[in-house]
Amino acid sequence: MKIRPLQVVLASAAILAAAALAHVLVPREFMARSSETFDLQKIIPRQFGPWTHVPGIRLIEPPGPDTLASQLYSQELGRAYRDREGHLVMLLVAYGPNQSSRLQLHRPEICYRADGFRIVETARAEIPYRESTTPLKLTRLVAQREVRVEPITYWMRIGNNVATNVIERQIIKLKYGLRGIVPDGALIRVSTTGLPVEAAYQLQDRFIRDFLSAVAPEDLKFFVGDRTQSL
């Protein structure tokens, strides 16, 4: 087939336009928080409402410092809290400064499977956490290993938005990328053991409300995003 000069010109123009567009769309603005002014140990209270920090409780966490987790997270905090009735709730918060295609938050499904658990149930939920605010979207799942059954509630903040699954997260990242922004991200995970699943979720919802109510107003955006600036 003979290639016409016009076809060559059009093809070259298309290649140049695609290259120029790709260059323009490369994210250049980072939303990451400075580690000098941001410390999970300080913004997450050890005691709030009926809840008190209980040291020495092991949480299921992402792989150790010699793995991809060391690139994914710049800060990570795991604590257990007990209320006045003796209920124990485990909280894990992980912060990733760069939610690009290479560096993404680990979902709890991945962490628990890596620790030998089976994921036997998944569901979506919403809870109101403060007056005059949009309900917080959550993911529920149940992890099981031998006789241990651990209901889990979690959500992911990507930039100023909340995501509950991989598709939502990818759409949010794409929207930020089209604006030339690399979003940061946080994963907030709450879990319990020793309670029936529905009772566990009710307890976790109460813990989440108490926790978000206790966080300082200037730090709340870290956990739930900025609804006025969301995409």
C-alpha atoms as a PDB file:
ATOM      1  CA  MET A   1       0.000   0.000   0.000  1.00  0.00           C
ATOM      2  CA  LYS A   2       1.348   3.375  -0.997  1.00  0.00           C
ATOM      3  CA  ILE A   3       1.592   5.915   1.807  1.00  0.00           C
ATOM      4  CA  ARG A   4       0.571   9.382   0.793  1.00  0.00           C
ATOM      5  CA  PRO A   5       2.456  12.471   2.016  1.00  0.00           C
ATOM      6  CA  LEU A   6      -0.743  13.817   3.592  1.00  0.00           C
ATOM      7  CA  GLN A   7      -1.099  10.643   5.659  1.00  0.00           C
ATOM      8  CA  VAL A   8       2.463  11.013   6.887  1.00  0.00           C
ATOM      9  CA  VAL A   9       1.833  14.623   7.882  1.00  0.00           C
ATOM     10  CA  LEU A  10      -1.406  13.760   9.698  1.00  0.00           C
ATOM     11  CA  ALA A  11       0.174  10.816  11.504  1.00  0.00           C
ATOM     12  CA  SER A  12       3.133  12.944  12.581  1.00  0.00           C
ATOM     13  CA  ALA A  13       0.811  15.684  13.802  1.00  0.00           C
ATOM     14  CA  ALA A  14      -1.205  13.137  15.788  1.00  0.00           C
ATOM     15  CA  ILE A  15       1.942  11.756  17.430  1.00  0.00           C
ATOM     16  CA  LEU A  16       3.171  15.230  18.328  1.00  0.00           C
ATOM     17  CA  ALA A  17      -0.247  16.196  19.717  1.00  0.00           C
ATOM     18  CA  ALA A  18      -0.408  13.040  21.822  1.00  0.00           C
ATOM     19  CA  ALA A  19       3.089  13.662  23.181  1.00  0.00           C
ATOM     20  CA  ALA A  20       2.219  17.270  24.001  1.00  0.00           C
ATOM     21  CA  LEU A  21      -0.996  16.205  25.731  1.00  0.00           C
ATOM     22  CA  ALA A  22       0.818  13.563  27.753  1.00  0.00           C
ATOM     23  CA  HIS A  23       3.351  16.170  28.840  1.00  0.00           C
ATOM     24  CA  VAL A  24       0.620  18.570  29.889  1.00  0.00           C
ATOM     25  CA  LEU A  25      -1.278  15.902  31.832  1.00  0.00           C
ATOM     26  CA  VAL A  26       1.704  14.710  33.891  1.00  0.00           C
ATOM     27  CA  PRO A  27       0.755  15.591  37.507  1.00  0.00           C
ATOM     28  CA  ARG A  28       3.076  18.232  38.926  1.00  0.00           C
ATOM     29  CA  GLU A  29       1.318  19.519  42.037  1.00  0.00           C
ATOM     30  CA  PHE A  30       1.594  17.367  45.164  1.00  0.00           C
ATOM     31  CA  MET A  31      -0.929  17.443  48.001  1.00  0.00           C
ATOM     32  CA  ALA A  32       1.368  15.653  50.450  1.00  0.00           C
ATOM     33  CA  ARG A  33       1.593  16.911  54.005  1.00  0.00           C
ATOM     34  CA  SER A  34       4.967  17.821  55.470  1.00  0.00           C
ATOM     35  CA  SER A  35       6.212  15.349  58.073  1.00  0.00           C
ATOM     36  CA  GLU A  36       7.615  18.309  60.010  1.00  0.00           C
ATOM     37  CA  THR A  37       4.134  19.705  60.700  1.00  0.00           C
ATOM     38  CA  PHE A  38       2.070  16.519  60.530  1.00  0.00           C
ATOM     39  CA  ASP A  39       2.323  13.700  63.057  1.00  0.00           C
ATOM     40  CA  LEU A  40      -0.283  10.951  63.465  1.00  0.00           C
ATOM     41  CA  GLN A  41       0.888  10.339  67.018  1.00  0.00           C
ATOM     42  CA  LYS A  42      -0.139  13.885  67.922  1.00  0.00           C
ATOM     43  CA  ILE A  43      -3.384  14.330  65.988  1.00  0.00           C
ATOM     44  CA  ILE A  44      -4.921  11.012  67.083  1.00  0.00           C
ATOM     45  CA  PRO A  45      -5.882  11.229  70.773  1.00  0.00           C
ATOM     46  CA  ARG A  46      -5.050   8.403  73.153  1.00  0.00           C
ATOM     47  CA  GLN A  47      -8.248   8.978  75.076  1.00  0.00           C
ATOM     48  CA  PHE A  48     -11.604  10.321  73.912  1.00  0.00           C
ATOM     49  CA  GLY A  49     -15.193   9.856  75.028  1.00  0.00           C
ATOM     50  CA  PRO A  50     -15.441   6.438  76.706  1.00  0.00           C
ATOM     51  CA  TRP A  51     -12.365   5.126  74.867  1.00  0.00           C
ATOM     52  CA  THR A  52      -8.876   4.679  76.335  1.00  0.00           C
ATOM     53  CA  HIS A  53      -5.732   3.475  74.581  1.00  0.00           C
ATOM     54  CA  VAL A  54      -4.663  -0.065  75.530  1.00  0.00           C
ATOM     55  CA  PRO A  55      -0.970  -0.777  74.789  1.00  0.00           C
ATOM     56  CA  GLY A  56       0.448  -4.129  73.735  1.00  0.00           C
ATOM     57  CA  ILE A  57      -2.336  -5.278  71.374  1.00  0.00           C
ATOM     58  CA  ARG A  58      -1.089  -6.668  68.037  1.00  0.00           C
ATOM     59  CA  LEU A  59      -2.852  -5.424  64.909  1.00  0.00           C
ATOM     60  CA  ILE A  60      -2.789  -6.899  61.418  1.00  0.00           C
ATOM     61  CA  GLU A  61      -0.542  -4.477  59.533  1.00  0.00           C
ATOM     62  CA  PRO A  62       0.954  -4.102  56.045  1.00  0.00           C
ATOM     63  CA  PRO A  63       4.263  -5.932  55.428  1.00  0.00           C
ATOM     64  CA  GLY A  64       7.417  -4.791  57.215  1.00  0.00           C
ATOM     65  CA  PRO A  65       9.852  -1.949  56.472  1.00  0.00           C
ATOM     66  CA  ASP A  66      11.812  -3.851  53.822  1.00  0.00           C
ATOM     67  CA  THR A  67       8.810  -4.223  51.505  1.00  0.00           C
ATOM     68  CA  LEU A  68       6.672  -2.006  49.300  1.00  0.00           C
ATOM     69  CA  ALA A  69       4.898  -0.700  52.418  1.00  0.00           C
ATOM     70  CA  SER A  70       7.942   1.415  53.226  1.00  0.00           C
ATOM     71  CA  GLN A  71       7.378   3.225  49.913  1.00  0.00           C
ATOM     72  CA  LEU A  72       3.613   3.407  50.280  1.00  0.00           C
ATOM     73  CA  TYR A  73       3.386   4.887  53.746  1.00  0.00           C
ATOM     74  CA  SER A  74       5.291   7.769  55.257  1.00  0.00           C
ATOM     75  CA  GLN A  75       3.414   7.420  58.550  1.00  0.00           C
ATOM     76  CA  GLU A  76       1.471   4.607  60.115  1.00  0.00           C
ATOM     77  CA  LEU A  77      -0.240   4.237  63.489  1.00  0.00           C
ATOM     78  CA  GLY A  78      -1.913   1.230  65.075  1.00  0.00           C
ATOM     79  CA  ARG A  79      -3.660   1.364  68.451  1.00  0.00           C
ATOM     80  CA  ALA A  80      -6.263  -0.539  70.430  1.00  0.00           C
ATOM     81  CA  TYR A  81      -8.914   1.221  72.516  1.00  0.00           C
ATOM     82  CA  ARG A  82     -11.205  -0.081  75.248  1.00  0.00           C
ATOM     83  CA  ASP A  83     -14.491   1.474  76.357  1.00  0.00           C
ATOM     84  CA  ARG A  84     -16.003   1.449  79.855  1.00  0.00           C
ATOM     85  CA  GLU A  85     -17.889  -1.776  79.127  1.00  0.00           C
ATOM     86  CA  GLY A  86     -14.665  -3.553  78.189  1.00  0.00           C
ATOM     87  CA  HIS A  87     -15.192  -3.629  74.414  1.00  0.00           C
ATOM     88  CA  LEU A  88     -11.918  -3.563  72.479  1.00  0.00           C
ATOM     89  CA  VAL A  89     -11.599  -1.791  69.110  1.00  0.00           C
ATOM     90  CA  MET A  90      -8.447  -1.746  66.974  1.00  0.00           C
ATOM     91  CA  LEU A  91      -7.599   1.313  64.880  1.00  0.00           C
ATOM     92  CA  LEU A  92      -5.042   1.513  62.083  1.00  0.00           C
ATOM     93  CA  VAL A  93      -4.293   4.715  60.163  1.00  0.00           C
ATOM     94  CA  ALA A  94      -1.780   4.719  57.303  1.00  0.00           C
ATOM     95  CA  TYR A  95      -0.724   7.794  55.354  1.00  0.00           C
ATOM     96  CA  GLY A  96       0.673   7.708  51.807  1.00  0.00           C
ATOM     97  CA  PRO A  97       1.992  11.020  50.443  1.00  0.00           C
ATOM     98  CA  ASN A  98       1.888   9.889  46.812  1.00  0.00           C
ATOM     99  CA  GLN A  99      -1.146   8.085  45.387  1.00  0.00           C
ATOM    100  CA  SER A 100       0.239   7.807  41.858  1.00  0.00           C
ATOM    101  CA  SER A 101      -0.207   4.649  39.798  1.00  0.00           C
ATOM    102  CA  ARG A 102       2.953   3.142  41.332  1.00  0.00           C
ATOM    103  CA  LEU A 103       2.260   3.934  44.940  1.00  0.00           C
ATOM    104  CA  GLN A 104      -1.222   3.040  46.167  1.00  0.00           C
ATOM    105  CA  LEU A 105      -2.694   2.344  49.552  1.00  0.00           C
ATOM    106  CA  HIS A 106      -2.928  -1.307  50.517  1.00  0.00           C
ATOM    107  CA  ARG A 107      -6.516  -2.381  51.033  1.00  0.00           C
ATOM    108  CA  PRO A 108      -7.229  -4.437  54.190  1.00  0.00           C
ATOM    109  CA  GLU A 109      -8.294  -7.337  51.961  1.00  0.00           C
ATOM    110  CA  ILE A 110      -4.685  -7.587  50.800  1.00  0.00           C
ATOM    111  CA  CYS A 111      -3.113  -7.190  54.245  1.00  0.00           C
ATOM    112  CA  TYR A 112      -5.319  -9.796  55.896  1.00  0.00           C
ATOM    113  CA  ARG A 113      -4.902 -12.348  53.114  1.00  0.00           C
ATOM    114  CA  ALA A 114      -1.137 -11.888  53.394  1.00  0.00           C
ATOM    115  CA  ASP A 115      -1.473 -12.791  57.093  1.00  0.00           C
ATOM    116  CA  GLY A 116      -3.384 -15.985  56.378  1.00  0.00           C
ATOM    117  CA  PHE A 117      -6.974 -14.756  56.629  1.00  0.00           C
ATOM    118  CA  ARG A 118      -9.881 -15.497  54.310  1.00  0.00           C
ATOM    119  CA  ILE A 119     -12.244 -12.681  53.359  1.00  0.00           C
ATOM    120  CA  VAL A 120     -15.704 -14.196  53.736  1.00  0.00           C
ATOM    121  CA  GLU A 121     -18.007 -11.167  53.464  1.00  0.00           C
ATOM    122  CA  THR A 122     -17.868  -7.687  51.938  1.00  0.00           C
ATOM    123  CA  ALA A 123     -20.446  -4.911  51.884  1.00  0.00           C
ATOM    124  CA  ARG A 124     -20.825  -1.135  51.550  1.00  0.00           C
ATOM    125  CA  ALA A 125     -22.270   1.148  54.222  1.00  0.00           C
ATOM    126  CA  GLU A 126     -22.692   4.788  55.217  1.00  0.00           C
ATOM    127  CA  ILE A 127     -22.805   6.424  58.634  1.00  0.00           C
ATOM    128  CA  PRO A 128     -23.525   9.997  59.708  1.00  0.00           C
ATOM    129  CA  TYR A 129     -20.676  11.172  61.900  1.00  0.00           C
ATOM    130  CA  ARG A 130     -21.421  14.868  62.502  1.00  0.00           C
ATOM    131  CA  GLU A 131     -24.471  17.077  62.138  1.00  0.00           C
ATOM    132  CA  SER A 132     -24.909  18.833  58.776  1.00  0.00           C
ATOM    133  CA  THR A 133     -22.342  16.616  57.059  1.00  0.00           C
ATOM    134  CA  THR A 134     -22.675  14.089  54.259  1.00  0.00           C
ATOM    135  CA  PRO A 135     -22.629  10.509  55.622  1.00  0.00           C
ATOM    136  CA  LEU A 136     -19.250   8.824  55.507  1.00  0.00           C
ATOM    137  CA  LYS A 137     -18.991   5.990  52.959  1.00  0.00           C
ATOM    138  CA  LEU A 138     -17.472   2.785  54.336  1.00  0.00           C
ATOM    139  CA  THR A 139     -16.442  -0.695  53.280  1.00  0.00           C
ATOM    140  CA  ARG A 140     -17.302  -3.627  55.549  1.00  0.00           C
ATOM    141  CA  LEU A 141     -15.630  -7.004  55.412  1.00  0.00           C
ATOM    142  CA  VAL A 142     -15.180 -10.058  57.596  1.00  0.00           C
ATOM    143  CA  ALA A 143     -11.770 -11.722  57.836  1.00  0.00           C
ATOM    144  CA  GLN A 144     -11.451 -15.235  59.237  1.00  0.00           C
ATOM    145  CA  ARG A 145      -8.450 -17.362  60.195  1.00  0.00           C
ATOM    146  CA  GLU A 146      -9.196 -20.632  62.015  1.00  0.00           C
ATOM    147  CA  VAL A 147     -11.426 -19.655  64.969  1.00  0.00           C
ATOM    148  CA  ARG A 148     -10.625 -15.932  64.796  1.00  0.00           C
ATOM    149  CA  VAL A 149     -13.343 -13.879  63.122  1.00  0.00           C
ATOM    150  CA  GLU A 150     -12.571 -10.175  62.681  1.00  0.00           C
ATOM    151  CA  PRO A 151     -15.232  -7.824  61.273  1.00  0.00           C
ATOM    152  CA  ILE A 152     -13.584  -4.769  59.691  1.00  0.00           C
ATOM    153  CA  THR A 153     -14.753  -1.324  58.640  1.00  0.00           C
ATOM    154  CA  TYR A 154     -12.533   0.936  56.561  1.00  0.00           C
ATOM    155  CA  TRP A 155     -12.425   3.826  54.140  1.00  0.00           C
ATOM    156  CA  MET A 156      -9.779   5.530  52.016  1.00  0.00           C
ATOM    157  CA  ARG A 157      -9.288   9.251  51.627  1.00  0.00           C
ATOM    158  CA  ILE A 158      -7.751  10.193  48.292  1.00  0.00           C
ATOM    159  CA  GLY A 159      -7.014  13.912  48.129  1.00  0.00           C
ATOM    160  CA  ASN A 160     -10.232  15.556  49.319  1.00  0.00           C
ATOM    161  CA  ASN A 161     -12.430  12.584  48.430  1.00  0.00           C
ATOM    162  CA  VAL A 162     -13.419   9.317  50.080  1.00  0.00           C
ATOM    163  CA  ALA A 163     -13.229   6.026  48.181  1.00  0.00           C
ATOM    164  CA  THR A 164     -14.552   2.616  49.228  1.00  0.00           C
ATOM    165  CA  ASN A 165     -13.275   0.453  46.377  1.00  0.00           C
ATOM    166  CA  VAL A 166     -10.608   0.207  43.690  1.00  0.00           C
ATOM    167  CA  ILE A 167     -12.751   1.657  40.906  1.00  0.00           C
ATOM    168  CA  GLU A 168     -13.677   4.758  42.919  1.00  0.00           C
ATOM    169  CA  ARG A 169     -10.047   5.238  43.877  1.00  0.00           C
ATOM    170  CA  GLN A 170      -8.872   5.026  40.272  1.00  0.00           C
ATOM    171  CA  ILE A 171     -11.546   7.476  39.068  1.00  0.00           C
ATOM    172  CA  ILE A 172     -10.596   9.986  41.772  1.00  0.00           C
ATOM    173  CA  LYS A 173      -6.899   9.669  40.928  1.00  0.00           C
ATOM    174  CA  LEU A 174      -7.642  10.160  37.226  1.00  0.00           C
ATOM    175  CA  LYS A 175      -9.633  13.325  37.924  1.00  0.00           C
ATOM    176  CA  TYR A 176      -6.781  14.739  39.983  1.00  0.00           C
ATOM    177  CA  GLY A 177      -4.286  13.717  37.311  1.00  0.00           C
ATOM    178  CA  LEU A 178      -6.239  15.605  34.651  1.00  0.00           C
ATOM    179  CA  ARG A 179      -5.801  18.699  36.820  1.00  0.00           C
ATOM    180  CA  GLY A 180      -2.055  18.075  37.179  1.00  0.00           C
ATOM    181  CA  ILE A 181      -2.321  17.056  40.838  1.00  0.00           C
ATOM    182  CA  VAL A 182      -0.821  14.052  42.646  1.00  0.00           C
ATOM    183  CA  PRO A 183      -3.161  13.373  45.594  1.00  0.00           C
ATOM    184  CA  ASP A 184      -2.036  12.066  48.940  1.00  0.00           C
ATOM    185  CA  GLY A 185      -4.066   9.409  50.704  1.00  0.00           C
ATOM    186  CA  ALA A 186      -4.982   7.858  54.019  1.00  0.00           C
ATOM    187  CA  LEU A 187      -6.440   4.519  54.946  1.00  0.00           C
ATOM    188  CA  ILE A 188      -8.491   4.339  58.141  1.00  0.00           C
ATOM    189  CA  ARG A 189      -9.345   0.861  59.412  1.00  0.00           C
ATOM    190  CA  VAL A 190     -11.355  -0.202  62.460  1.00  0.00           C
ATOM    191  CA  SER A 191     -11.795  -3.820  63.571  1.00  0.00           C
ATOM    192  CA  THR A 192     -12.963  -5.952  66.484  1.00  0.00           C
ATOM    193  CA  THR A 193     -12.950  -9.580  67.609  1.00  0.00           C
ATOM    194  CA  GLY A 194     -15.154 -11.609  69.925  1.00  0.00           C
ATOM    195  CA  LEU A 195     -18.517 -10.116  68.927  1.00  0.00           C
ATOM    196  CA  PRO A 196     -21.186 -11.229  66.442  1.00  0.00           C
ATOM    197  CA  VAL A 197     -20.749  -9.452  63.125  1.00  0.00           C
ATOM    198  CA  GLU A 198     -23.694  -7.054  63.386  1.00  0.00           C
ATOM    199  CA  ALA A 199     -22.897  -6.177  67.003  1.00  0.00           C
ATOM    200  CA  ALA A 200     -19.277  -5.577  65.950  1.00  0.00           C
ATOM    201  CA  TYR A 201     -20.323  -3.165  63.212  1.00  0.00           C
ATOM    202  CA  GLN A 202     -22.570  -1.253  65.612  1.00  0.00           C
ATOM    203  CA  LEU A 203     -19.683  -0.922  68.050  1.00  0.00           C
ATOM    204  CA  GLN A 204     -17.336   0.171  65.254  1.00  0.00           C
ATOM    205  CA  ASP A 205     -19.798   2.816  64.072  1.00  0.00           C
ATOM    206  CA  ARG A 206     -19.988   4.214  67.590  1.00  0.00           C
ATOM    207  CA  PHE A 207     -16.203   4.237  67.823  1.00  0.00           C
ATOM    208  CA  ILE A 208     -15.857   6.033  64.468  1.00  0.00           C
ATOM    209  CA  ARG A 209     -18.343   8.727  65.502  1.00  0.00           C
ATOM    210  CA  ASP A 210     -16.624   9.222  68.868  1.00  0.00           C
ATOM    211  CA  PHE A 211     -13.218   9.297  67.201  1.00  0.00           C
ATOM    212  CA  LEU A 212     -14.106  11.820  64.492  1.00  0.00           C
ATOM    213  CA  SER A 213     -15.873  13.998  67.054  1.00  0.00           C
ATOM    214  CA  ALA A 214     -12.712  14.057  69.167  1.00  0.00           C
ATOM    215  CA  VAL A 215     -10.330  14.977  66.341  1.00  0.00           C
ATOM    216  CA  ALA A 216      -9.417  18.659  66.263  1.00  0.00           C
ATOM    217  CA  PRO A 217     -11.383  20.585  63.580  1.00  0.00           C
ATOM    218  CA  GLU A 218      -8.211  21.511  61.692  1.00  0.00           C
ATOM    219  CA  ASP A 219      -7.221  17.813  61.484  1.00  0.00           C
ATOM    220  CA  LEU A 220     -10.612  16.373  60.522  1.00  0.00           C
ATOM    221  CA  LYS A 221      -9.952  16.896  56.797  1.00  0.00           C
ATOM    222  CA  PHE A 222      -7.094  14.422  56.990  1.00  0.00           C
ATOM    223  CA  PHE A 223      -9.559  11.649  57.787  1.00  0.00           C
ATOM    224  CA  VAL A 224     -12.649  12.540  55.738  1.00  0.00           C
ATOM    225  CA  GLY A 225     -11.372  14.985  53.113  1.00  0.00           C
ATOM    226  CA  ASP A 226     -12.627  18.466  52.399  1.00  0.00           C
ATOM    227  CA  ARG A 227     -16.176  18.239  51.115  1.00  0.00           C
ATOM    228  CA  THR A 228     -16.018  21.833  49.850  1.00  0.00           C
ATOM    229  CA  GLN A 229     -12.946  21.016  47.721  1.00  0.00           C
ATOM    230  CA  SER A 230     -13.844  17.479  46.602  1.00  0.00           C
ATOM    231  CA  LEU A 231     -14.056  16.631  42.903  1.00  0.00           C
END
